[in-house]
Amino acid sequence: MMKKYQHIYQQIETDILTENYKDGDFLPTEHDLSQKYKVSRDTIRKALKLLENTGLITKTQGRGSQITKNERILFPVAELTSYQELVATFSMNSKTNVIAIDKVIIDESLAKITGFRLHQIVWRVTRQRVVDGIASVLDIDYLDKELIPKMTREIAEHSIYAYLESDLGLPIDFALKEITIDHISDKDKILLDLGSENHVVSVKSKVYLSNNQQFQFTESRHKLEKFKFIDMARRHPK
């Protein structure tokens, strides 16, 4: 069960993301917030600490909690969110370039990486995400062709998940994710604006339907300076 300070954190986070509080604004004082939410100041401090940890506010001695303009996009690791949903949530200035769509037969090396069975036929979709004019994300998706018989450039440019759920009626349920810091590859050098950077954040995901059938493996390779990966961890009592 979510605790009071987590509820308050989510409410203030929503107010910040919807610009009820704007960049540079100060939040009400701890006293005023405790009165507003009818909780102790200690509970408010815990909520403010979460907001500070996720880069949404900066606490300054004698001045209070100020909304911080965060140049990094908060990427919710624990949620199964499509890129286009992220764009809509954060009003990102983003463009998707479809680099390639091809069919691949899974060999032994791909079977180990992707989780698909040997000799399975999949779509491989390579997309470049340009954010604020900077090539910031390289997405490489492998999708079960048996479940998804058609894949077009138009589908890939918009939202594959919207197509799968709305047009094909596939119930997307959960993903297993692995996040690593990787050395840049030759493909990264070509398709990402890396400057002097030597590493990227790699997010690998095996994605499943509600019947536990895997339909996708994806690797998203992100510029280190552009995204901030966040999660909320909860301690379960013994």
Protein backbone atom coordinates (compact mmCIF):
# COMPACT_ATOMS: atom_id res chain seq x y z
CA MET A 1 0.00 0.00 0.00
CA MET A 2 1.29 3.44 -0.92
CA LYS A 3 2.24 5.64 2.03
CA LYS A 4 0.96 9.18 2.61
CA TYR A 5 4.19 10.88 1.59
CA GLN A 6 4.20 8.90 -1.69
CA HIS A 7 0.67 10.07 -2.46
CA ILE A 8 1.71 13.67 -1.75
CA TYR A 9 4.82 13.25 -3.91
CA GLN A 10 2.66 12.05 -6.81
CA GLN A 11 0.18 14.92 -6.42
CA ILE A 12 2.91 17.57 -6.37
CA GLU A 13 4.74 15.82 -9.23
CA THR A 14 1.53 16.00 -11.30
CA ASP A 15 1.16 19.70 -10.44
CA ILE A 16 4.72 20.31 -11.65
CA LEU A 17 4.41 18.27 -14.86
CA THR A 18 1.09 19.93 -15.74
CA GLU A 19 2.66 23.34 -14.93
CA ASN A 20 0.34 24.24 -12.08
CA TYR A 21 3.75 25.01 -10.61
CA LYS A 22 6.08 26.48 -13.24
CA ASP A 23 9.85 26.44 -13.52
CA GLY A 24 11.32 28.82 -10.97
CA ASP A 25 8.22 28.89 -8.75
CA PHE A 26 8.58 28.10 -5.06
CA LEU A 27 6.38 25.49 -3.43
CA PRO A 28 4.35 26.53 -0.39
CA THR A 29 6.20 26.23 2.93
CA GLU A 30 6.38 22.90 4.75
CA HIS A 31 3.88 24.32 7.25
CA ASP A 32 1.43 25.32 4.52
CA LEU A 33 1.80 21.96 2.74
CA SER A 34 1.20 20.06 5.99
CA GLN A 35 -1.97 22.11 6.49
CA LYS A 36 -3.09 21.56 2.90
CA TYR A 37 -2.61 17.78 2.97
CA LYS A 38 -3.49 17.38 6.68
CA VAL A 39 -0.28 15.49 7.50
CA SER A 40 2.76 16.07 9.69
CA ARG A 41 5.72 18.17 8.53
CA ASP A 42 7.85 15.02 8.67
CA THR A 43 5.58 13.44 6.04
CA ILE A 44 5.92 16.57 3.88
CA ARG A 45 9.71 16.44 4.22
CA LYS A 46 9.72 12.85 2.95
CA ALA A 47 7.61 13.83 -0.08
CA LEU A 48 9.90 16.81 -0.78
CA LYS A 49 12.94 14.55 -0.54
CA LEU A 50 11.50 12.32 -3.29
CA LEU A 51 10.84 15.37 -5.45
CA GLU A 52 14.41 16.53 -4.88
CA ASN A 53 15.82 13.08 -5.69
CA THR A 54 13.98 13.01 -9.03
CA GLY A 55 15.27 16.47 -9.94
CA LEU A 56 11.92 18.26 -9.84
CA ILE A 57 12.81 20.68 -7.03
CA THR A 58 15.89 22.21 -5.45
CA LYS A 59 15.86 22.92 -1.71
CA THR A 60 17.71 26.07 -0.66
CA GLN A 61 18.37 27.02 2.95
CA GLY A 62 16.23 29.99 3.90
CA ARG A 63 14.37 30.10 0.57
CA GLY A 64 12.41 26.84 0.44
CA SER A 65 11.74 24.38 -2.39
CA GLN A 66 12.06 25.77 -5.91
CA ILE A 67 10.78 24.08 -9.07
CA THR A 68 13.87 23.19 -11.10
CA LYS A 69 14.03 23.35 -14.88
CA ASN A 70 15.35 19.89 -15.64
CA GLU A 71 17.05 19.62 -19.02
CA ARG A 72 16.97 15.85 -18.73
CA ILE A 73 13.81 13.98 -19.60
CA LEU A 74 12.59 11.77 -16.77
CA PHE A 75 12.38 8.23 -18.12
CA PRO A 76 10.18 5.99 -15.90
CA VAL A 77 12.09 2.71 -15.76
CA ALA A 78 9.43 0.74 -13.87
CA GLU A 79 6.61 1.63 -16.27
CA LEU A 80 5.90 0.03 -19.63
CA THR A 81 5.59 3.28 -21.57
CA SER A 82 5.91 3.70 -25.32
CA TYR A 83 8.18 6.44 -26.63
CA GLN A 84 5.23 8.32 -28.12
CA GLU A 85 3.44 8.22 -24.75
CA LEU A 86 6.58 9.72 -23.19
CA VAL A 87 6.60 12.44 -25.87
CA ALA A 88 2.95 13.28 -25.11
CA THR A 89 3.43 13.25 -21.32
CA PHE A 90 6.40 15.63 -21.35
CA SER A 91 5.42 17.66 -24.46
CA MET A 92 8.76 16.79 -26.02
CA ASN A 93 9.90 18.33 -29.29
CA SER A 94 10.64 15.02 -30.95
CA LYS A 95 10.80 13.42 -34.38
CA THR A 96 11.13 9.73 -35.27
CA ASN A 97 13.21 8.68 -38.27
CA VAL A 98 12.71 5.11 -39.44
CA ILE A 99 16.15 3.91 -40.53
CA ALA A 100 15.23 0.37 -41.60
CA ILE A 101 12.53 -2.31 -41.46
CA ASP A 102 13.58 -5.83 -42.35
CA LYS A 103 12.82 -9.48 -41.63
CA VAL A 104 15.33 -11.49 -39.63
CA ILE A 105 15.61 -15.20 -38.91
CA ILE A 106 16.74 -15.68 -35.32
CA ASP A 107 20.15 -17.37 -35.15
CA GLU A 108 21.90 -18.69 -32.05
CA SER A 109 23.45 -15.38 -31.04
CA LEU A 110 20.16 -13.48 -31.44
CA ALA A 111 18.27 -16.22 -29.59
CA LYS A 112 20.52 -15.69 -26.55
CA ILE A 113 20.09 -11.92 -26.62
CA THR A 114 16.44 -11.54 -27.57
CA GLY A 115 14.73 -14.53 -25.94
CA PHE A 116 13.11 -15.56 -29.23
CA ARG A 117 13.40 -19.19 -30.35
CA LEU A 118 15.95 -20.38 -32.91
CA HIS A 119 14.83 -19.93 -36.56
CA GLN A 120 11.87 -17.74 -35.53
CA ILE A 121 11.07 -15.00 -38.07
CA VAL A 122 10.84 -11.50 -36.62
CA TRP A 123 10.61 -7.92 -37.80
CA ARG A 124 13.64 -5.76 -37.01
CA VAL A 125 12.79 -2.07 -36.84
CA THR A 126 15.57 0.50 -36.40
CA ARG A 127 14.49 4.01 -35.43
CA GLN A 128 16.31 7.22 -34.56
CA ARG A 129 14.65 9.61 -32.08
CA VAL A 130 15.55 13.27 -32.50
CA VAL A 131 14.81 15.42 -29.42
CA ASP A 132 15.17 19.21 -29.64
CA GLY A 133 17.08 18.75 -32.89
CA ILE A 134 19.56 16.29 -31.33
CA ALA A 135 19.67 12.58 -32.29
CA SER A 136 19.28 11.28 -28.74
CA VAL A 137 17.89 7.72 -28.89
CA LEU A 138 18.51 4.71 -31.11
CA ASP A 139 15.75 2.07 -30.86
CA ILE A 140 16.17 -1.41 -32.32
CA ASP A 141 13.01 -3.54 -32.02
CA TYR A 142 12.52 -7.21 -32.79
CA LEU A 143 8.84 -8.19 -33.14
CA ASP A 144 7.25 -11.63 -33.58
CA LYS A 145 6.13 -11.72 -37.24
CA GLU A 146 3.61 -14.49 -36.56
CA LEU A 147 1.73 -12.21 -34.16
CA ILE A 148 2.41 -9.06 -36.19
CA PRO A 149 2.11 -10.00 -39.89
CA LYS A 150 2.45 -6.42 -41.18
CA MET A 151 4.93 -3.67 -40.35
CA THR A 152 5.10 -0.44 -42.32
CA ARG A 153 7.11 2.77 -42.12
CA GLU A 154 3.94 4.67 -41.16
CA ILE A 155 3.28 2.36 -38.19
CA ALA A 156 6.91 2.61 -37.07
CA GLU A 157 6.95 6.41 -37.37
CA HIS A 158 3.93 6.82 -35.13
CA SER A 159 3.41 4.21 -32.38
CA ILE A 160 3.91 0.48 -32.76
CA TYR A 161 2.17 -0.09 -29.42
CA ALA A 162 -0.89 1.89 -30.50
CA TYR A 163 -1.08 -0.28 -33.64
CA LEU A 164 -0.67 -3.52 -31.69
CA GLU A 165 -3.27 -2.64 -29.07
CA SER A 166 -5.85 -0.75 -31.15
CA ASP A 167 -5.61 -2.47 -34.54
CA LEU A 168 -4.45 -5.98 -33.65
CA GLY A 169 -6.04 -6.17 -30.18
CA LEU A 170 -2.88 -7.54 -28.54
CA PRO A 171 -2.96 -7.20 -24.72
CA ILE A 172 0.52 -5.87 -23.85
CA ASP A 173 1.15 -6.66 -20.20
CA PHE A 174 4.70 -6.49 -18.79
CA ALA A 175 8.41 -6.26 -19.57
CA LEU A 176 11.68 -7.51 -18.11
CA LYS A 177 14.29 -4.75 -18.35
CA GLU A 178 18.05 -4.60 -18.09
CA ILE A 179 19.86 -1.25 -17.90
CA THR A 180 23.59 -0.94 -18.52
CA ILE A 181 26.15 1.73 -19.42
CA ASP A 182 27.76 0.60 -22.68
CA HIS A 183 30.67 1.78 -24.80
CA ILE A 184 29.43 3.42 -27.97
CA SER A 185 29.19 1.23 -31.09
CA ASP A 186 29.86 2.13 -34.70
CA LYS A 187 26.09 2.38 -35.25
CA ASP A 188 25.81 4.75 -32.27
CA LYS A 189 28.48 6.97 -33.80
CA ILE A 190 26.53 7.20 -37.06
CA LEU A 191 22.98 7.57 -35.71
CA LEU A 192 23.42 9.49 -32.43
CA ASP A 193 24.78 13.00 -31.84
CA LEU A 194 27.33 11.93 -29.24
CA GLY A 195 29.95 14.67 -29.43
CA SER A 196 32.77 13.68 -27.09
CA GLU A 197 30.69 11.08 -25.24
CA ASN A 198 32.09 7.54 -25.13
CA HIS A 199 29.17 5.76 -23.46
CA VAL A 200 25.41 5.38 -23.84
CA VAL A 201 22.66 4.09 -21.56
CA SER A 202 21.33 0.81 -22.96
CA VAL A 203 17.83 -0.33 -21.93
CA LYS A 204 17.07 -3.88 -23.08
CA SER A 205 13.48 -5.11 -22.69
CA LYS A 206 11.73 -8.42 -23.28
CA VAL A 207 8.04 -7.56 -23.56
CA TYR A 208 5.15 -9.98 -23.02
CA LEU A 209 1.42 -10.26 -23.61
CA SER A 210 -1.04 -11.07 -20.83
CA ASN A 211 -0.74 -14.81 -21.67
CA ASN A 212 3.02 -14.58 -20.91
CA GLN A 213 3.96 -14.91 -24.60
CA GLN A 214 6.94 -12.77 -25.59
CA PHE A 215 6.21 -10.65 -28.66
CA GLN A 216 9.06 -8.10 -28.56
CA PHE A 217 12.67 -7.55 -27.70
CA THR A 218 13.94 -4.00 -27.86
CA GLU A 219 17.18 -2.22 -27.13
CA SER A 220 17.05 1.55 -26.65
CA ARG A 221 20.39 3.32 -26.63
CA HIS A 222 20.26 6.80 -25.06
CA LYS A 223 22.57 9.78 -24.84
CA LEU A 224 23.77 9.96 -21.24
CA GLU A 225 23.16 13.70 -20.92
CA LYS A 226 19.61 13.72 -22.32
CA PHE A 227 17.63 11.33 -20.10
CA LYS A 228 17.38 10.73 -16.38
CA PHE A 229 16.19 7.23 -15.48
CA ILE A 230 13.98 7.09 -12.41
CA ASP A 231 12.13 4.53 -10.34
CA MET A 232 10.36 4.44 -7.01
CA ALA A 233 11.40 1.60 -4.73
CA ARG A 234 9.12 0.42 -1.94
CA ARG A 235 10.19 -1.55 1.11
CA HIS A 236 7.85 -4.44 1.84
CA PRO A 237 7.58 -5.21 5.57
CA LYS A 238 8.54 -8.70 6.69
